[in-house]
Protein backbone atom coordinates (compact mmCIF):
# COMPACT_ATOMS: atom_id res chain seq x y z
CA MET A 1 110.54 92.00 132.38
CA LYS A 2 109.52 94.21 135.63
CA ILE A 3 111.07 97.39 136.32
CA LYS A 4 112.27 97.55 140.00
CA VAL A 5 111.22 100.52 142.12
CA ASN A 6 114.93 101.57 142.30
CA ASP A 7 115.14 101.50 138.67
CA ARG A 8 111.91 104.08 138.34
CA ILE A 9 114.05 106.24 140.80
CA TYR A 10 117.13 106.33 138.93
CA ALA A 11 115.03 106.89 135.76
CA PHE A 12 113.14 110.02 137.10
CA ALA A 13 116.22 111.35 138.80
CA ALA A 14 118.04 111.32 135.38
CA TRP A 15 115.22 112.86 133.83
CA GLY A 16 115.11 115.80 136.39
CA LEU A 17 118.72 116.32 135.51
CA PHE A 18 118.46 116.20 131.76
CA LEU A 19 115.27 118.42 132.06
CA SER A 20 117.47 121.00 134.00
CA VAL A 21 120.04 121.03 131.41
CA PHE A 22 117.54 121.32 128.57
CA HIS A 23 115.89 124.12 130.11
CA PHE A 24 119.06 125.89 130.64
CA LEU A 25 120.11 125.41 127.18
CA TYR A 26 116.86 126.55 125.31
CA HIS A 27 114.74 128.75 127.51
CA GLY A 28 117.02 131.72 126.06
CA PHE A 29 115.41 131.06 122.69
CA PHE A 30 111.95 131.81 123.73
CA PRO A 31 112.79 134.66 122.83
CA THR A 32 116.58 135.20 122.25
CA GLU A 33 118.29 138.26 123.92
CA ARG A 34 117.34 140.48 121.29
CA GLY A 35 113.66 139.73 121.86
CA THR A 36 113.16 137.80 118.50
CA LEU A 37 111.94 134.34 117.65
CA GLY A 38 112.53 131.99 114.71
CA HIS A 39 111.25 132.90 111.20
CA ASP A 40 108.31 130.45 111.30
CA PHE A 41 106.71 131.72 114.49
CA GLY A 42 105.44 134.49 112.16
CA LEU A 43 102.99 131.62 111.11
CA ALA A 44 102.65 129.53 114.55
CA LEU A 45 101.90 132.27 116.72
CA SER A 46 99.28 133.78 114.52
CA GLY A 47 97.79 130.42 113.77
CA CYS A 48 97.23 129.79 117.66
CA THR A 49 95.99 133.26 118.07
CA ASP A 50 93.62 132.63 115.50
CA GLY A 51 92.66 129.32 116.99
CA PHE A 52 92.26 130.90 120.58
CA ILE A 53 89.80 133.56 118.85
CA TRP A 54 87.62 130.74 117.60
CA PHE A 55 87.85 128.93 120.88
CA ALA A 56 86.87 132.02 122.73
CA LYS A 57 83.81 132.52 120.50
CA ASN A 58 82.54 128.75 119.96
CA GLY A 59 83.93 126.69 122.79
CA LEU A 60 85.80 123.49 122.26
CA PHE A 61 83.13 121.21 120.28
CA GLU A 62 82.49 123.51 117.36
CA VAL A 63 84.93 122.50 114.40
CA PRO A 64 86.79 125.46 113.01
CA TRP A 65 86.26 124.80 109.56
CA PHE A 66 87.61 128.04 108.10
CA THR A 67 89.27 130.95 109.21
CA PRO A 68 88.89 134.59 108.01
CA SER A 69 92.40 135.64 109.33
CA PHE A 70 94.47 135.00 106.54
CA CYS A 71 94.25 135.53 102.69
CA ALA A 72 90.76 137.02 103.05
CA GLY A 73 89.47 133.58 104.37
CA ILE A 74 90.81 130.18 103.95
CA PRO A 75 90.37 126.48 105.05
CA LEU A 76 91.55 125.65 108.72
CA PHE A 77 90.47 122.27 109.60
CA ALA A 78 90.81 121.15 105.93
CA ASP A 79 94.56 122.34 105.86
CA PRO A 80 96.70 119.43 106.48
CA GLN A 81 99.24 121.42 108.13
CA SER A 82 96.74 123.03 110.69
CA GLY A 83 96.90 121.61 114.24
CA TYR A 84 93.71 123.29 116.13
CA TYR A 85 93.36 119.73 117.68
CA SER A 86 96.96 119.54 119.10
CA VAL A 87 98.50 120.21 122.70
CA PRO A 88 100.29 123.50 121.80
CA GLN A 89 97.03 125.01 120.64
CA TRP A 90 95.14 123.79 123.31
CA LEU A 91 97.59 125.20 125.74
CA SER A 92 97.27 128.57 124.05
CA PHE A 93 93.77 128.52 125.40
CA VAL A 94 95.08 129.10 128.98
CA VAL A 95 98.68 130.78 128.26
CA ASP A 96 100.08 132.89 125.37
CA PRO A 97 101.03 130.97 122.20
CA LEU A 98 104.78 131.58 123.01
CA THR A 99 104.54 130.06 126.50
CA ALA A 100 102.44 127.32 124.87
CA ALA A 101 105.18 126.30 122.36
CA TYR A 102 108.03 126.15 124.95
CA LEU A 103 105.77 124.05 127.30
CA THR A 104 105.13 121.63 124.44
CA LEU A 105 108.63 121.36 123.71
CA LEU A 106 109.40 120.54 127.43
CA LEU A 107 106.58 118.06 127.49
CA PHE A 108 107.08 116.10 124.63
CA ALA A 109 110.73 116.16 125.03
CA SER A 110 110.04 114.34 128.32
CA LEU A 111 107.47 111.83 126.75
CA GLY A 112 110.08 110.98 124.15
CA TYR A 113 112.61 110.20 127.12
CA PHE A 114 110.29 108.06 129.19
CA GLY A 115 108.91 106.48 125.85
CA MET A 116 112.37 105.54 124.95
CA TYR A 117 113.51 104.45 128.42
CA VAL A 118 110.41 102.08 128.77
CA LEU A 119 110.99 100.75 125.06
CA ALA A 120 114.75 99.92 125.94
CA ARG A 121 114.08 98.43 129.39
CA ARG A 122 111.12 96.60 128.82
CA ALA A 123 110.93 95.67 125.15
CA PHE A 124 114.80 95.38 124.38
CA GLY A 125 115.92 93.94 127.68
CA LEU A 126 118.53 96.86 128.11
CA SER A 127 120.15 97.34 131.33
CA LEU A 128 118.93 100.44 133.43
CA VAL A 129 122.18 102.33 132.63
CA TRP A 130 122.18 101.59 128.75
CA SER A 131 118.27 102.22 128.80
CA ILE A 132 118.88 105.82 130.40
CA PHE A 133 121.67 106.39 127.94
CA ALA A 134 119.45 105.37 124.94
CA ALA A 135 116.75 107.73 126.23
CA ALA A 136 119.05 110.52 126.85
CA LEU A 137 120.20 110.13 123.32
CA PHE A 138 116.86 110.66 122.10
CA PHE A 139 116.10 113.38 124.65
CA PHE A 140 118.95 115.55 123.57
CA ASN A 141 118.57 115.08 119.85
CA THR A 142 118.48 118.50 118.25
CA PHE A 143 115.47 117.73 115.92
CA GLN A 144 112.62 118.86 118.00
CA PRO A 145 114.13 121.74 119.88
CA TYR A 146 115.80 123.29 116.81
CA ARG A 147 112.50 122.99 115.05
CA THR A 148 110.62 124.40 117.88
CA ILE A 149 113.09 127.43 118.08
CA LEU A 150 112.51 128.14 114.37
CA GLY A 151 108.39 127.80 115.25
CA GLU A 152 107.99 124.74 113.27
CA TYR A 153 106.44 122.95 116.39
CA GLY A 154 104.15 120.89 114.41
CA TYR A 155 106.64 118.07 114.47
CA HIS A 156 106.39 117.56 118.16
CA GLY A 157 104.54 114.33 117.97
CA LEU A 158 107.38 112.54 116.48
CA THR A 159 108.86 112.09 119.92
CA LEU A 160 105.98 109.79 120.35
CA VAL A 161 107.59 107.13 118.09
CA PRO A 162 109.04 104.88 120.79
CA TRP A 163 105.41 104.88 122.65
CA LEU A 164 103.48 103.86 119.36
CA ALA A 165 106.58 101.05 118.98
CA TRP A 166 105.83 100.01 122.62
CA PHE A 167 102.18 99.65 122.31
CA LEU A 168 102.65 97.31 119.33
CA VAL A 169 105.00 94.83 121.22
CA ARG A 170 103.96 95.45 124.83
CA PRO A 171 102.95 92.23 126.53
CA ALA A 172 99.16 92.00 127.50
CA ALA A 173 97.66 89.29 129.75
CA SER A 174 94.33 89.31 127.78
CA ARG A 175 92.78 89.92 124.42
CA ILE A 176 91.42 93.20 125.64
CA GLY A 177 94.57 94.40 126.72
CA LYS A 178 96.15 93.63 123.27
CA VAL A 179 93.48 95.44 121.61
CA GLY A 180 93.81 98.42 123.96
CA CYS A 181 97.51 98.61 123.29
CA ALA A 182 96.63 98.58 119.37
CA PHE A 183 94.20 101.37 119.86
CA LEU A 184 96.61 103.59 121.90
CA ALA A 185 98.93 103.02 118.87
CA GLY A 186 96.31 104.23 116.56
CA LEU A 187 95.75 107.27 118.66
CA ILE A 188 99.15 108.32 118.56
CA ALA A 189 99.13 108.13 114.74
CA ALA A 190 95.66 110.12 114.57
CA TYR A 191 97.11 112.80 116.86
CA TRP A 192 100.17 112.98 114.33
CA LEU A 193 97.49 113.77 111.58
CA GLN A 194 95.49 116.27 113.66
CA SER A 195 98.40 118.07 114.87
CA GLY A 196 99.76 118.95 111.67
CA LEU A 197 102.43 116.19 111.04
CA THR A 198 100.84 115.12 107.63
CA THR A 199 103.72 115.76 105.51
CA LEU A 200 106.27 113.62 107.62
CA MET A 201 103.50 110.68 108.25
CA LEU A 202 105.16 108.03 106.05
CA PRO A 203 108.76 108.63 107.38
CA ALA A 204 107.32 108.70 110.94
CA ALA A 205 105.84 105.36 110.06
CA LEU A 206 109.18 104.18 108.69
CA GLY A 207 110.86 105.30 111.78
CA VAL A 208 108.30 102.68 113.67
CA ALA A 209 109.14 99.99 111.23
CA PHE A 210 112.88 100.65 111.79
CA VAL A 211 112.37 100.45 115.62
CA LEU A 212 110.34 96.96 115.22
CA LEU A 213 112.94 95.73 112.91
CA ALA A 214 115.72 96.30 115.60
CA TRP A 215 113.44 94.78 118.21
CA ARG A 216 113.34 91.61 115.83
CA LEU A 217 117.33 91.38 116.56
CA VAL A 218 116.71 90.14 119.99
CA HIS A 219 113.11 88.93 120.00
CA PRO A 220 110.89 86.66 117.76
CA TRP A 221 107.83 88.20 116.48
CA PRO A 222 104.94 88.08 118.72
CA ARG A 223 101.81 86.32 117.08
CA ASP A 224 99.47 89.41 117.47
CA LEU A 225 102.05 92.09 116.11
CA LEU A 226 100.22 92.00 112.47
CA VAL A 227 96.75 92.21 114.08
CA ARG A 228 97.90 95.04 116.36
CA MET A 229 99.48 96.89 113.22
CA ILE A 230 96.33 96.48 111.51
CA LEU A 231 93.89 97.73 114.20
CA ALA A 232 96.38 100.67 114.92
CA VAL A 233 96.15 101.77 111.23
CA ALA A 234 92.54 101.34 111.39
CA VAL A 235 91.91 103.50 114.47
CA SER A 236 94.26 106.09 112.94
CA ILE A 237 92.13 106.35 109.88
CA VAL A 238 88.60 106.24 111.49
CA VAL A 239 89.55 108.66 114.18
CA SER A 240 91.05 110.92 111.55
CA ALA A 241 88.61 110.10 108.67
CA SER A 242 86.97 113.78 108.61
CA LYS A 243 90.20 115.47 108.40
CA LEU A 244 91.50 113.11 105.88
CA VAL A 245 88.80 113.55 103.59
CA ALA A 246 88.64 117.28 103.88
CA SER A 247 92.42 117.66 103.41
CA LEU A 248 92.47 115.48 100.50
CA ALA A 249 89.84 117.63 98.80
CA PHE A 250 91.69 120.90 99.64
CA TYR A 251 95.26 119.76 98.82
CA GLY A 252 94.25 117.89 95.60
CA ARG A 253 93.41 121.13 94.11
CA PHE A 254 96.83 122.81 95.37
CA GLU A 255 99.32 120.29 94.86
CA ARG A 256 102.85 121.47 95.57
CA THR A 257 104.83 119.78 92.77
CA GLN A 258 106.48 122.89 91.27
CA TYR A 259 109.36 122.96 93.45
CA LEU A 260 112.92 121.80 92.62
CA LEU A 261 114.06 118.56 94.43
CA PRO A 262 117.82 119.16 95.69
CA GLY A 263 120.27 116.42 96.14
CA PHE A 264 123.89 115.54 96.05
CA SER A 265 125.48 114.55 92.89
CA ASP A 266 128.77 113.66 94.78
CA PRO A 267 128.26 110.48 97.08
CA TRP A 268 130.86 111.61 99.47
CA ALA A 269 129.41 114.86 99.88
CA LEU A 270 126.07 113.30 100.64
CA ILE A 271 127.93 110.84 103.34
CA LYS A 272 129.57 113.56 104.86
CA THR A 273 126.72 115.89 105.36
CA THR A 274 124.70 112.94 106.59
CA LEU A 275 127.19 112.19 109.50
CA LEU A 276 127.57 115.92 110.14
CA ALA A 277 123.60 116.24 110.50
CA LEU A 278 123.66 113.10 112.64
CA PHE A 279 126.78 113.57 114.96
CA GLY A 280 127.99 117.11 114.29
CA THR A 281 126.10 120.26 114.16
CA SER A 282 123.42 121.43 112.18
CA GLU A 283 125.39 124.43 111.07
CA ALA A 284 128.44 122.46 110.11
CA ALA A 285 126.17 120.31 107.81
CA ALA A 286 124.52 123.39 106.33
CA ARG A 287 127.74 124.51 105.37
CA ASN A 288 128.92 121.52 103.85
CA ALA A 289 125.52 121.03 102.05
CA PHE A 290 125.65 124.74 100.63
CA ALA A 291 128.94 124.09 98.86
CA THR A 292 127.95 120.71 97.53
CA LEU A 293 124.00 120.50 96.98
CA SER A 294 122.86 120.55 93.44
CA ASN A 295 119.37 121.67 91.82
CA VAL A 296 118.78 124.17 94.65
CA GLN A 297 115.68 126.37 94.51
CA TRP A 298 115.46 127.65 98.42
CA SER A 299 118.12 127.92 100.68
CA VAL A 300 118.54 124.75 102.83
CA LEU A 301 119.03 126.36 106.27
CA PRO A 302 120.62 124.60 109.10
CA HIS A 303 117.72 123.71 110.85
CA GLU A 304 116.98 121.51 107.96
CA TRP A 305 120.00 119.55 108.97
CA ALA A 306 119.15 119.40 112.68
CA TYR A 307 119.27 115.65 113.65
CA SER A 308 122.29 115.49 115.76
CA PHE A 309 123.15 113.27 118.61
CA SER A 310 126.70 114.72 119.14
CA MET A 311 129.82 112.70 118.91
CA ALA A 312 129.20 111.17 122.32
CA PRO A 313 127.60 107.88 120.97
CA LEU A 314 130.41 107.45 118.41
CA ILE A 315 133.00 107.83 121.24
CA CYS A 316 131.06 105.62 123.56
CA LEU A 317 130.62 102.88 120.76
CA LEU A 318 134.44 103.04 120.02
CA ILE A 319 135.40 102.50 123.64
CA ALA A 320 132.90 99.76 123.94
CA PHE A 321 134.45 98.05 121.12
CA LEU A 322 137.70 98.41 122.61
CA LEU A 323 136.56 97.01 125.82
CA ARG A 324 134.66 94.17 124.37
CA ARG A 325 134.88 90.66 125.92
CA ARG A 326 133.91 87.35 125.01
CA ASP A 327 132.94 86.20 128.59
CA VAL A 328 130.38 89.28 129.17
CA PRO A 329 126.68 88.21 129.45
CA GLY A 330 125.68 90.56 126.59
CA LEU A 331 122.42 90.57 125.02
CA ARG A 332 121.14 87.29 123.10
CA LEU A 333 120.68 87.97 119.47
CA ALA A 334 117.81 86.06 117.53
CA ASP A 335 118.03 85.54 113.74
CA VAL A 336 119.73 88.75 112.65
CA ARG A 337 120.27 88.10 108.90
CA TRP A 338 116.99 89.34 107.30
CA PRO A 339 116.00 91.97 109.86
CA THR A 340 119.56 93.53 109.43
CA VAL A 341 118.94 93.37 105.50
CA ALA A 342 115.59 95.13 105.88
CA MET A 343 117.09 97.85 108.38
CA ILE A 344 119.98 98.70 105.88
CA ALA A 345 117.38 98.87 103.03
CA LEU A 346 115.29 101.43 105.26
CA ALA A 347 118.43 103.30 106.15
CA LEU A 348 119.21 104.03 102.60
CA ILE A 349 115.64 105.54 101.68
CA PRO A 350 116.88 109.01 102.93
CA LEU A 351 120.16 108.73 101.28
CA VAL A 352 118.77 107.70 97.92
CA LEU A 353 116.20 110.53 97.89
CA MET A 354 119.01 113.30 98.32
CA VAL A 355 121.09 111.73 95.52
CA TYR A 356 120.97 114.13 92.54
CA THR A 357 121.25 113.30 88.94
CA PRO A 358 119.04 114.74 86.08
CA ALA A 359 117.33 111.51 85.11
CA PHE A 360 116.56 110.12 88.53
CA ASN A 361 115.37 113.59 89.73
CA VAL A 362 112.82 113.69 87.06
CA TRP A 363 111.83 110.35 87.98
CA LEU A 364 111.52 111.23 91.80
CA LYS A 365 109.09 114.49 90.93
CA GLN A 366 106.69 111.93 89.28
CA VAL A 367 106.38 109.77 92.62
CA PRO A 368 103.46 110.54 94.69
CA LEU A 369 104.27 112.61 98.13
CA ILE A 370 108.09 112.77 97.24
CA GLY A 371 107.48 114.73 94.26
CA ALA A 372 105.55 117.54 96.23
CA THR A 373 108.38 117.95 98.81
CA ALA A 374 111.22 120.67 98.76
CA TRP A 375 113.11 119.05 101.38
CA PRO A 376 114.24 115.38 100.97
CA MET A 377 116.52 115.74 103.94
CA ARG A 378 113.49 115.47 106.40
CA TRP A 379 113.16 111.80 105.67
CA MET A 380 116.31 111.43 107.95
CA VAL A 381 113.62 111.61 110.88
CA ILE A 382 113.48 107.73 110.28
CA TYR A 383 116.98 107.47 112.18
CA LEU A 384 116.00 109.62 115.26
CA ALA A 385 114.40 106.65 117.37
CA VAL A 386 116.36 103.52 116.54
CA LEU A 387 119.79 105.14 116.51
CA PRO A 388 119.84 105.44 120.33
CA LEU A 389 118.59 101.82 120.66
CA LEU A 390 121.17 100.28 118.19
CA ILE A 391 124.11 102.18 119.72
CA ALA A 392 122.85 101.29 123.26
CA MET A 393 122.50 97.46 122.17
CA ALA A 394 125.81 97.58 120.67
CA ALA A 395 127.60 99.03 123.79
CA GLN A 396 125.80 96.48 125.97
CA TYR A 397 126.33 93.64 123.65
CA TRP A 398 130.22 94.30 123.77
CA THR A 399 130.52 95.39 127.44
CA GLY A 400 127.57 94.13 129.14
CA ASP A 401 126.11 96.32 132.09
CA HIS A 402 129.38 98.48 132.21
CA TRP A 403 127.72 101.31 134.07
CA ARG A 404 130.74 103.56 134.24
CA LEU A 405 131.21 103.67 130.41
CA ALA A 406 127.38 104.30 130.33
CA VAL A 407 127.58 106.93 132.87
CA ALA A 408 130.64 108.73 131.17
CA GLY A 409 128.90 108.33 127.80
CA THR A 410 125.91 110.12 129.33
CA LEU A 411 127.98 112.75 131.04
CA LEU A 412 129.86 113.44 127.79
CA LEU A 413 126.52 113.78 125.82
CA ILE A 414 125.33 116.49 128.41
CA GLY A 415 128.68 118.18 128.18
CA LEU A 416 128.85 118.34 124.38
CA GLN A 417 125.37 120.16 124.42
CA PHE A 418 127.31 123.26 125.49
CA ALA A 419 129.70 123.13 122.55
CA ASP A 420 127.35 123.88 119.66
CA PRO A 421 127.30 127.62 119.50
CA ARG A 422 123.85 127.77 117.84
CA LEU A 423 124.62 131.13 116.09
CA TYR A 424 122.01 130.69 113.47
CA TYR A 425 119.26 129.90 116.02
CA ARG A 426 120.24 132.93 118.14
CA ASP A 427 120.00 135.38 114.98
CA GLN A 428 116.61 135.06 114.13
CA PRO A 429 114.35 138.04 112.85
CA TYR A 430 110.93 137.36 114.08
CA ASP A 431 109.56 140.19 116.65
CA PRO A 432 106.48 138.67 118.45
CA SER A 433 105.64 141.71 120.65
CA VAL A 434 103.13 143.04 118.55
CA LEU A 435 101.39 139.65 118.26
CA LEU A 436 101.90 138.76 121.85
CA ALA A 437 100.43 142.15 123.10
CA GLY A 438 97.39 141.66 120.86
CA TYR A 439 96.91 137.94 122.24
CA GLN A 440 96.95 139.68 125.72
CA GLN A 441 94.17 141.94 124.89
CA LEU A 442 92.14 138.86 123.32
CA ALA A 443 92.59 137.05 126.39
CA ALA A 444 91.57 139.90 128.51
CA GLY A 445 88.08 139.78 126.84
CA ALA A 446 88.50 141.58 123.33
CA ALA A 447 88.24 138.24 121.65
CA ARG A 448 84.68 137.79 122.05
CA GLN A 449 84.12 141.02 120.22
CA HIS A 450 87.14 140.33 117.56
CA ARG A 451 86.13 140.66 113.90
CA ILE A 452 88.09 140.96 110.46
CA SER A 453 87.05 144.12 109.16
CA PHE A 454 89.68 144.76 106.49
CA VAL A 455 91.72 143.05 103.74
CA GLY A 456 95.32 144.48 104.07
CA ILE A 457 98.98 144.14 103.71
CA LYS A 458 101.60 144.55 106.24
CA PRO A 459 104.45 146.63 104.46
CA ALA A 460 107.69 144.89 104.41
CA THR A 461 110.96 146.76 105.28
CA GLU A 462 113.38 147.81 102.69
CA ASN A 463 115.43 144.77 103.35
CA GLU A 464 112.45 142.53 102.66
CA GLY A 465 110.93 141.58 99.52
CA LEU A 466 106.99 141.56 98.84
CA TYR A 467 106.87 138.29 100.71
CA GLY A 468 109.72 138.53 102.98
CA SER A 469 108.04 140.10 106.26
CA VAL A 470 107.88 137.24 108.38
CA ASP A 471 105.39 139.09 110.77
CA ARG A 472 103.04 139.86 108.28
CA ASN A 473 100.27 137.57 109.71
CA ASP A 474 100.37 139.54 112.75
CA VAL A 475 97.83 142.07 111.64
CA ILE A 476 95.32 139.53 112.61
CA VAL A 477 95.09 141.30 116.27
CA ASP A 478 94.19 144.56 114.45
CA GLY A 479 91.17 142.85 112.58
CA VAL A 480 93.03 142.80 109.29
CA SER A 481 93.24 139.57 107.05
CA GLN A 482 96.67 139.58 105.41
CA ALA A 483 96.05 139.37 101.51
CA LEU A 484 99.57 138.25 100.92
CA CYS A 485 99.29 135.76 103.94
CA TYR A 486 101.84 133.36 105.16
CA ASN A 487 100.56 130.07 104.35
CA PRO A 488 102.51 127.24 102.63
CA ALA A 489 99.40 125.61 101.38
CA PHE A 490 99.39 127.91 98.50
CA GLY A 491 103.03 127.79 98.03
CA TYR A 492 106.03 129.33 99.49
CA ARG A 493 105.58 132.54 97.57
CA LEU A 494 101.64 131.99 97.23
CA GLU A 495 102.16 130.80 93.77
CA LYS A 496 98.77 128.84 93.65
CA PHE A 497 96.84 131.44 95.54
CA PRO A 498 93.62 132.57 93.51
CA ARG A 499 93.59 136.31 94.23
CA GLY A 500 90.93 136.92 91.88
CA ARG A 501 89.05 140.06 92.60
CA LEU A 502 90.54 140.59 96.01
CA ALA A 503 91.22 144.12 96.81
CA LEU A 504 92.52 145.87 99.82
CA GLY A 505 89.78 147.56 101.86
CA ASP A 506 86.74 146.73 103.68
CA VAL A 507 85.65 143.08 103.80
CA MET A 508 81.91 144.02 102.74
CA TRP A 509 82.76 146.34 99.90
CA GLU A 510 80.61 145.08 97.16
CA SER A 511 81.94 144.82 93.56
CA ASP A 512 80.12 143.31 90.64
CA GLY A 513 77.64 141.39 93.06
CA TYR A 514 80.44 140.20 95.26
CA LEU A 515 82.01 141.01 98.71
CA ASN A 516 85.77 141.39 99.28
CA ILE A 517 85.91 138.41 101.39
CA LYS A 518 86.38 134.90 100.01
CA ASN A 519 83.84 131.84 100.57
CA PRO A 520 86.36 129.33 102.05
CA ALA A 521 83.99 126.42 101.41
CA CYS A 522 84.79 127.04 97.86
CA TYR A 523 88.21 125.76 98.36
CA VAL A 524 87.16 122.43 99.80
CA PHE A 525 83.70 121.66 98.34
CA PRO A 526 83.31 123.93 95.05
CA GLU A 527 80.91 121.60 93.26
CA GLU A 528 78.61 121.20 96.15
CA ASN A 529 78.45 124.95 96.88
CA GLY A 530 78.20 126.11 93.19
CA CYS A 531 81.44 127.76 92.98
CA VAL A 532 85.37 127.50 92.19
CA PRO A 533 88.11 127.69 94.65
CA GLY A 534 89.03 131.44 95.36
CA ASP A 535 85.35 132.61 94.70
CA HIS A 536 84.03 135.31 97.21
CA PHE A 537 80.89 135.45 98.96
CA ARG A 538 77.95 136.98 96.98
CA VAL A 539 76.07 140.13 97.98
CA GLU A 540 72.96 138.08 98.76
CA ASP A 541 75.28 135.90 101.27
CA ARG A 542 76.09 138.86 103.36
CA ALA A 543 74.72 137.23 106.37
CA LYS A 544 76.88 134.18 105.82
CA ALA A 545 79.95 136.54 105.32
CA GLU A 546 79.23 138.64 108.69
CA ALA A 547 79.24 135.32 110.48
CA PHE A 548 82.35 134.19 108.81
CA VAL A 549 84.29 137.57 109.42
CA SER A 550 83.08 137.31 113.36
CA TYR A 551 84.45 133.85 113.76
CA HIS A 552 81.19 131.92 113.83
CA PRO A 553 80.23 128.99 111.80
CA PHE A 554 78.06 129.62 108.58
CA PRO A 555 76.00 127.05 106.58
CA PHE A 556 77.73 125.53 103.67
CA VAL A 557 77.33 122.36 101.70
CA LYS A 558 79.82 119.30 102.30
CA SER A 559 80.26 116.42 100.10
CA THR A 560 78.69 113.13 100.63
CA ALA A 561 82.24 111.66 101.39
CA GLN A 562 82.52 114.11 104.00
CA HIS A 563 79.32 113.69 105.65
CA TRP A 564 80.17 110.03 106.09
CA ALA A 565 83.62 110.82 107.27
CA ASP A 566 82.18 113.30 109.71
CA HIS A 567 79.99 110.40 111.31
CA ILE A 568 82.86 107.98 111.20
CA THR A 569 85.21 110.09 113.27
CA LEU A 570 82.34 110.87 115.60
CA ILE A 571 81.35 107.29 116.23
CA SER A 572 84.85 106.07 116.38
CA LEU A 573 85.79 108.57 119.16
CA LEU A 574 82.77 107.60 121.29
CA LEU A 575 83.49 103.85 120.82
CA LEU A 576 87.33 104.53 121.69
CA VAL A 577 86.21 106.60 124.76
CA MET A 578 84.10 103.75 125.97
CA PHE A 579 86.60 101.22 125.36
CA LEU A 580 89.65 103.15 126.88
CA GLY A 581 87.84 104.43 129.63
CA VAL A 582 85.13 101.89 130.75
CA ILE A 583 85.81 98.41 129.16
CA TRP A 584 89.53 98.15 129.56
CA PRO A 585 89.76 99.33 133.06
CA ALA A 586 86.83 97.26 133.88
CA SER A 587 88.54 94.08 132.40
CA ALA A 588 91.74 94.90 134.30
CA LEU A 589 89.86 95.48 137.50
CA TYR A 590 88.00 91.90 137.21
CA ARG A 591 91.22 90.07 136.47
CA HIS A 592 93.15 91.97 139.37
CA ARG A 593 90.10 90.76 141.89
CA ARG A 594 89.81 87.11 140.39
CA SER A 595 93.79 86.88 140.81
CA GLY A 596 93.58 88.04 144.43
CA VAL A 597 90.67 85.64 145.12
CA ALA A 598 92.71 82.73 143.48
CA SER A 599 95.77 83.63 145.75
CA ASP A 600 93.86 83.80 148.75
């Protein structure tokens, strides 16, 4: 299906309206009226500042294997949740990290809008108005904006789910075009891995599978779908091989299986909370969850329930059902039986993971990946891309191209965005003024001389516990490595952080033949470097330690697997650049010229 020029004009005009509303709704949270930000910005802004210092000293092509900025030296590239190779980090090379976070929100919300529009219009064959309606639902979903407001913008890549699904089913005139689409899908998955989405990779992949099953309702499987999927997975693995091997080496020694897995013992409470999360407000869902959740170790705050599309799609569906007519030229459905069964099975996964019984909970804690999480409700992200499509499909199936209903539903969606008071999101504790002022000094030239000189602690206020100071990582701008750093890699309370001989004071202070700074290579490659995780630099390695605390590379020994992974990543990137930048465009140009000659 070709999109008419007028269709594109309407799609862009709608995006302009939606983006204006989106900006009006959310720009006041960066920061809030009180000058504060979400609590996880204490980790995010200091992390981006750390990445900026590395970039200022070493340029773009030197891999930031480690950082001295936190916990007296820790892995950076090997941390699965780190996002040095991501849009918000690279934006912070030219603007301050808070501005980078907000620009990332606007950019990826817009990418999500256009991805959903293209998928609905060209892959699912929906009409213009219902395609825009589906795109609006995805655009205004609260998951990305609320997570970003809290400082958890490592999830921004989830808005690319529609694009990944589109590249898997997009028609192509040649084999090279089909391979190119598969490669682009694989690059999106690789970006997820590189940008810190690792903990939600499986739910994100299931979200893509959910969309493909919905697509199967109206189209037969293309012959090359399986091949494209295999190529996409292969590309994502080889491009990310270096990070994957390093992350497995690091996290394999610091698995987080010590936390309780919360759940609902009452099925009705589970269903009610899920519906509130998807179609109500996150604060209402959190209140219901607070009263009914079992086996809770950490407070499940409102942002953990931020998946809302508002009540607009349900109201629109109800009206469409009441208006349904048999003589309407709606969608033609293919075989719906087994795709429907498969979609129901997928839809039940997040619900099952949130069920609590003592015996079932013990079993879940033994399941890989699931047992290491403390937040099973995050699996609800598998609904985010498919629900707008299914809702728009059902509305068109019942009413055809009922543009008045689609426009009314879209306007209702916009109106309901103003009904959410967002009190929890306005009352956040992190004051970014110290870190942002420090960033400005670093950007003005101080970054080139910046050095971590001390291991220290930022004192908590009287209302905070030892680990409660959300701004404790800010001491990076003063050349201090926070001894009790804010890094979930070692647990939310640093339960698995090997403090060892670490002391507060100068990083070059000597004690028993060791310096007061950790050798971060010991976290990832301990056997190769003759140490154990948490070991410090030896006195005789002072030159290496000095390079490390000055944000420069230092020599260390990698594992054989890591050497191979590094080579695979480098070679695959070069080949992909050649294919996507030269071979595919040249092939398309050749076909275009050949078709022009044939038509003459």
